[in-house]
């Protein structure tokens, strides 16, 4: 099953001009958000991003930005801790 998070609500951004095409983001991403296209990494599936921040923390070129701990990832964690259902739309 492919997990889906928030379409058009995520903080994940990339500066393709800084990308060196090393592929580390592909290696560390748990949900296959990234793919290599030519000699650059590109966001292949933004809605699969859970904003864990692994790609940004491991990008030696500083080409990736994500505010980790927001969005659905945070909602899922808070739901587990509090014993409630995750609230991903920010309205609960």
N, C-alpha and C. Protein backbone atom coordinates (compact mmCIF):
# COMPACT_ATOMS: atom_id res chain seq x y z
N UNK A 1 0.84 -1.18 0.00
CA UNK A 1 0.00 0.00 0.00
C UNK A 1 0.89 1.24 0.00
N UNK A 2 0.64 2.16 -0.88
CA UNK A 2 1.39 3.41 -0.96
C UNK A 2 0.67 4.46 -0.13
N UNK A 3 1.35 4.98 0.88
CA UNK A 3 0.75 5.98 1.76
C UNK A 3 0.69 7.33 1.07
N UNK A 4 -0.37 8.07 1.30
CA UNK A 4 -0.55 9.41 0.75
C UNK A 4 -0.71 10.36 1.92
N UNK A 5 -0.15 11.53 1.81
CA UNK A 5 -0.24 12.51 2.88
C UNK A 5 -1.00 13.72 2.36
N UNK A 6 -0.54 14.90 2.57
CA UNK A 6 -1.28 16.10 2.18
C UNK A 6 -0.83 16.61 0.82
N UNK A 7 -1.71 16.60 -0.14
CA UNK A 7 -1.38 17.19 -1.43
C UNK A 7 -1.31 18.70 -1.30
N UNK A 8 -0.29 19.30 -1.85
CA UNK A 8 -0.11 20.75 -1.91
C UNK A 8 -0.03 21.43 -0.54
N UNK A 9 0.24 20.71 0.51
CA UNK A 9 0.34 21.29 1.85
C UNK A 9 1.70 21.05 2.47
N UNK A 10 2.60 20.44 1.76
CA UNK A 10 3.88 20.04 2.33
C UNK A 10 4.93 21.13 2.18
N UNK A 11 5.92 21.09 3.08
CA UNK A 11 6.98 22.10 3.07
C UNK A 11 8.19 21.68 2.25
N UNK A 12 8.20 20.49 1.69
CA UNK A 12 9.35 19.99 0.93
C UNK A 12 9.58 20.84 -0.32
N UNK A 13 10.80 21.36 -0.43
CA UNK A 13 11.20 22.16 -1.59
C UNK A 13 12.62 21.77 -1.98
N UNK A 14 12.94 21.99 -3.24
CA UNK A 14 14.28 21.68 -3.73
C UNK A 14 14.78 22.81 -4.62
N UNK A 15 16.06 23.13 -4.46
CA UNK A 15 16.73 24.08 -5.35
C UNK A 15 17.51 23.24 -6.34
N UNK A 16 16.95 23.01 -7.51
CA UNK A 16 17.59 22.11 -8.49
C UNK A 16 18.93 22.64 -8.96
N UNK A 17 19.14 23.94 -8.87
CA UNK A 17 20.43 24.51 -9.24
C UNK A 17 21.56 24.08 -8.32
N UNK A 18 21.23 23.76 -7.09
CA UNK A 18 22.24 23.30 -6.12
C UNK A 18 22.46 21.80 -6.15
N UNK A 19 21.50 21.06 -6.70
CA UNK A 19 21.57 19.59 -6.68
C UNK A 19 22.76 19.10 -7.49
N UNK A 20 23.52 18.19 -6.88
CA UNK A 20 24.68 17.60 -7.55
C UNK A 20 24.36 16.23 -8.15
N UNK A 21 23.17 15.71 -7.88
CA UNK A 21 22.78 14.41 -8.41
C UNK A 21 23.42 13.24 -7.70
N UNK A 22 23.85 13.44 -6.46
CA UNK A 22 24.52 12.37 -5.71
C UNK A 22 23.59 11.20 -5.39
N UNK A 23 22.28 11.46 -5.27
CA UNK A 23 21.31 10.40 -5.03
C UNK A 23 21.11 10.02 -3.58
N UNK A 24 21.73 10.73 -2.65
CA UNK A 24 21.57 10.39 -1.24
C UNK A 24 20.10 10.53 -0.82
N UNK A 25 19.41 11.52 -1.34
CA UNK A 25 18.00 11.71 -0.98
C UNK A 25 17.18 10.48 -1.35
N UNK A 26 17.50 9.85 -2.46
CA UNK A 26 16.80 8.62 -2.86
C UNK A 26 17.07 7.49 -1.88
N UNK A 27 18.30 7.43 -1.39
CA UNK A 27 18.70 6.36 -0.48
C UNK A 27 18.05 6.49 0.89
N UNK A 28 17.88 7.72 1.39
CA UNK A 28 17.39 7.90 2.76
C UNK A 28 15.88 8.08 2.85
N UNK A 29 15.22 8.35 1.75
CA UNK A 29 13.78 8.61 1.79
C UNK A 29 13.01 7.30 1.99
N UNK A 30 12.19 7.22 3.06
CA UNK A 30 11.46 5.98 3.32
C UNK A 30 10.27 5.75 2.41
N UNK A 31 9.85 6.76 1.62
CA UNK A 31 8.65 6.61 0.80
C UNK A 31 8.87 6.90 -0.68
N UNK A 32 10.10 6.82 -1.14
CA UNK A 32 10.41 6.97 -2.57
C UNK A 32 9.85 8.26 -3.17
N UNK A 33 10.05 9.35 -2.47
CA UNK A 33 9.59 10.65 -2.95
C UNK A 33 10.46 11.13 -4.12
N UNK A 34 11.71 10.73 -4.13
CA UNK A 34 12.70 11.23 -5.09
C UNK A 34 12.99 10.25 -6.20
N UNK A 35 13.43 10.79 -7.36
CA UNK A 35 13.98 9.98 -8.45
C UNK A 35 15.07 10.80 -9.13
N UNK A 36 15.97 10.11 -9.78
CA UNK A 36 17.00 10.80 -10.56
C UNK A 36 16.48 11.00 -11.97
N UNK A 37 16.64 12.21 -12.45
CA UNK A 37 16.23 12.54 -13.81
C UNK A 37 17.42 13.24 -14.44
N UNK A 38 18.05 12.57 -15.38
CA UNK A 38 19.29 13.10 -15.90
C UNK A 38 20.35 13.03 -14.82
N UNK A 39 20.92 14.13 -14.49
CA UNK A 39 21.94 14.17 -13.43
C UNK A 39 21.46 14.96 -12.20
N UNK A 40 20.16 15.01 -12.00
CA UNK A 40 19.58 15.75 -10.88
C UNK A 40 18.51 14.91 -10.20
N UNK A 41 18.39 15.09 -8.90
CA UNK A 41 17.27 14.50 -8.17
C UNK A 41 16.07 15.40 -8.36
N UNK A 42 14.91 14.80 -8.53
CA UNK A 42 13.67 15.55 -8.65
C UNK A 42 12.63 14.94 -7.73
N UNK A 43 11.68 15.76 -7.31
CA UNK A 43 10.58 15.28 -6.49
C UNK A 43 9.64 14.52 -7.40
N UNK A 44 9.55 13.23 -7.20
CA UNK A 44 8.72 12.37 -8.05
C UNK A 44 7.31 12.21 -7.51
N UNK A 45 7.15 12.27 -6.19
CA UNK A 45 5.84 12.02 -5.58
C UNK A 45 5.72 12.82 -4.29
N UNK A 46 5.41 14.09 -4.43
CA UNK A 46 5.34 15.00 -3.27
C UNK A 46 4.34 14.52 -2.22
N UNK A 47 3.21 14.00 -2.65
CA UNK A 47 2.17 13.58 -1.70
C UNK A 47 2.59 12.38 -0.86
N UNK A 48 3.66 11.70 -1.23
CA UNK A 48 4.15 10.57 -0.43
C UNK A 48 5.08 11.04 0.69
N UNK A 49 5.49 12.30 0.66
CA UNK A 49 6.42 12.83 1.66
C UNK A 49 5.74 12.93 3.02
N UNK A 50 6.42 12.42 4.05
CA UNK A 50 5.89 12.52 5.41
C UNK A 50 6.66 13.56 6.22
N UNK A 51 7.49 14.34 5.53
CA UNK A 51 8.24 15.43 6.14
C UNK A 51 9.13 14.98 7.29
N UNK A 52 9.77 13.83 7.13
CA UNK A 52 10.67 13.34 8.18
C UNK A 52 11.98 14.13 8.22
N UNK A 53 12.37 14.71 7.08
CA UNK A 53 13.56 15.54 7.03
C UNK A 53 14.84 14.81 6.69
N UNK A 54 14.78 13.51 6.48
CA UNK A 54 15.99 12.74 6.20
C UNK A 54 16.71 13.24 4.94
N UNK A 55 15.96 13.59 3.92
CA UNK A 55 16.58 14.04 2.68
C UNK A 55 17.33 15.35 2.89
N UNK A 56 16.70 16.30 3.56
CA UNK A 56 17.33 17.60 3.79
C UNK A 56 18.55 17.49 4.71
N UNK A 57 18.44 16.67 5.73
CA UNK A 57 19.55 16.52 6.68
C UNK A 57 20.75 15.85 6.05
N UNK A 58 20.54 15.06 5.02
CA UNK A 58 21.63 14.33 4.38
C UNK A 58 22.09 14.92 3.06
N UNK A 59 21.48 16.00 2.63
CA UNK A 59 21.85 16.63 1.35
C UNK A 59 23.09 17.51 1.56
N UNK A 60 24.22 17.04 1.08
CA UNK A 60 25.48 17.77 1.29
C UNK A 60 25.52 19.07 0.48
N UNK A 61 24.71 19.18 -0.55
CA UNK A 61 24.68 20.38 -1.38
C UNK A 61 23.76 21.45 -0.81
N UNK A 62 22.95 21.09 0.19
CA UNK A 62 21.99 22.05 0.75
C UNK A 62 20.90 22.40 -0.24
N UNK A 63 20.54 21.46 -1.09
CA UNK A 63 19.56 21.71 -2.14
C UNK A 63 18.13 21.41 -1.72
N UNK A 64 17.94 20.84 -0.53
CA UNK A 64 16.60 20.41 -0.11
C UNK A 64 16.21 21.13 1.17
N UNK A 65 14.97 21.59 1.20
CA UNK A 65 14.39 22.20 2.41
C UNK A 65 13.11 21.46 2.76
N UNK A 66 12.97 21.11 4.00
CA UNK A 66 11.71 20.60 4.51
C UNK A 66 11.65 20.94 6.00
N UNK A 67 10.52 21.42 6.43
CA UNK A 67 10.32 21.71 7.85
C UNK A 67 9.84 20.41 8.48
N UNK A 68 10.79 19.61 8.95
CA UNK A 68 10.43 18.31 9.49
C UNK A 68 9.61 18.44 10.76
N UNK A 69 8.73 17.48 10.95
CA UNK A 69 7.87 17.47 12.14
C UNK A 69 6.56 18.19 11.95
N UNK A 70 6.27 18.64 10.74
CA UNK A 70 4.98 19.29 10.47
C UNK A 70 4.16 18.36 9.60
N UNK A 71 2.96 18.76 9.28
CA UNK A 71 2.13 17.97 8.38
C UNK A 71 1.70 16.65 8.99
N UNK A 72 1.50 15.68 8.14
CA UNK A 72 0.96 14.39 8.58
C UNK A 72 1.91 13.62 9.48
N UNK A 73 3.21 13.74 9.27
CA UNK A 73 4.13 13.01 10.13
C UNK A 73 3.92 13.41 11.58
N UNK A 74 3.82 14.69 11.81
CA UNK A 74 3.59 15.17 13.17
C UNK A 74 2.23 14.72 13.68
N UNK A 75 1.22 14.78 12.81
CA UNK A 75 -0.13 14.37 13.22
C UNK A 75 -0.17 12.90 13.59
N UNK A 76 0.51 12.07 12.83
CA UNK A 76 0.53 10.63 13.12
C UNK A 76 1.22 10.38 14.47
N UNK A 77 2.36 11.02 14.68
CA UNK A 77 3.08 10.86 15.95
C UNK A 77 2.24 11.35 17.12
N UNK A 78 1.63 12.53 16.99
CA UNK A 78 0.78 13.06 18.06
C UNK A 78 -0.41 12.14 18.32
N UNK A 79 -0.98 11.56 17.26
CA UNK A 79 -2.09 10.63 17.43
C UNK A 79 -1.70 9.38 18.19
N UNK A 80 -0.50 8.88 17.89
CA UNK A 80 -0.01 7.70 18.60
C UNK A 80 0.21 8.01 20.07
N UNK A 81 0.83 9.15 20.35
CA UNK A 81 1.11 9.55 21.73
C UNK A 81 -0.17 9.78 22.53
N UNK A 82 -1.11 10.48 21.91
CA UNK A 82 -2.33 10.84 22.63
C UNK A 82 -3.43 9.79 22.53
N UNK A 83 -3.26 8.79 21.66
CA UNK A 83 -4.27 7.75 21.51
C UNK A 83 -5.47 8.21 20.70
N UNK A 84 -5.28 9.24 19.87
CA UNK A 84 -6.36 9.75 19.03
C UNK A 84 -6.05 9.51 17.57
N UNK A 85 -7.01 9.78 16.72
CA UNK A 85 -6.79 9.68 15.27
C UNK A 85 -5.92 10.85 14.80
N UNK A 86 -5.07 10.62 13.82
CA UNK A 86 -4.25 11.72 13.27
C UNK A 86 -5.15 12.78 12.63
N UNK A 87 -4.76 14.02 12.77
CA UNK A 87 -5.48 15.13 12.14
C UNK A 87 -4.48 15.84 11.24
N UNK A 88 -4.61 15.64 9.94
CA UNK A 88 -3.64 16.18 9.00
C UNK A 88 -4.04 17.50 8.37
N UNK A 89 -5.25 17.95 8.59
CA UNK A 89 -5.66 19.16 7.89
C UNK A 89 -5.45 20.44 8.70
N UNK A 90 -4.95 20.33 9.92
CA UNK A 90 -4.66 21.49 10.76
C UNK A 90 -5.89 22.16 11.34
N UNK A 91 -7.07 21.57 11.18
CA UNK A 91 -8.31 22.18 11.66
C UNK A 91 -8.87 21.50 12.89
N UNK A 92 -8.11 20.60 13.49
CA UNK A 92 -8.64 19.90 14.67
C UNK A 92 -7.92 20.32 15.92
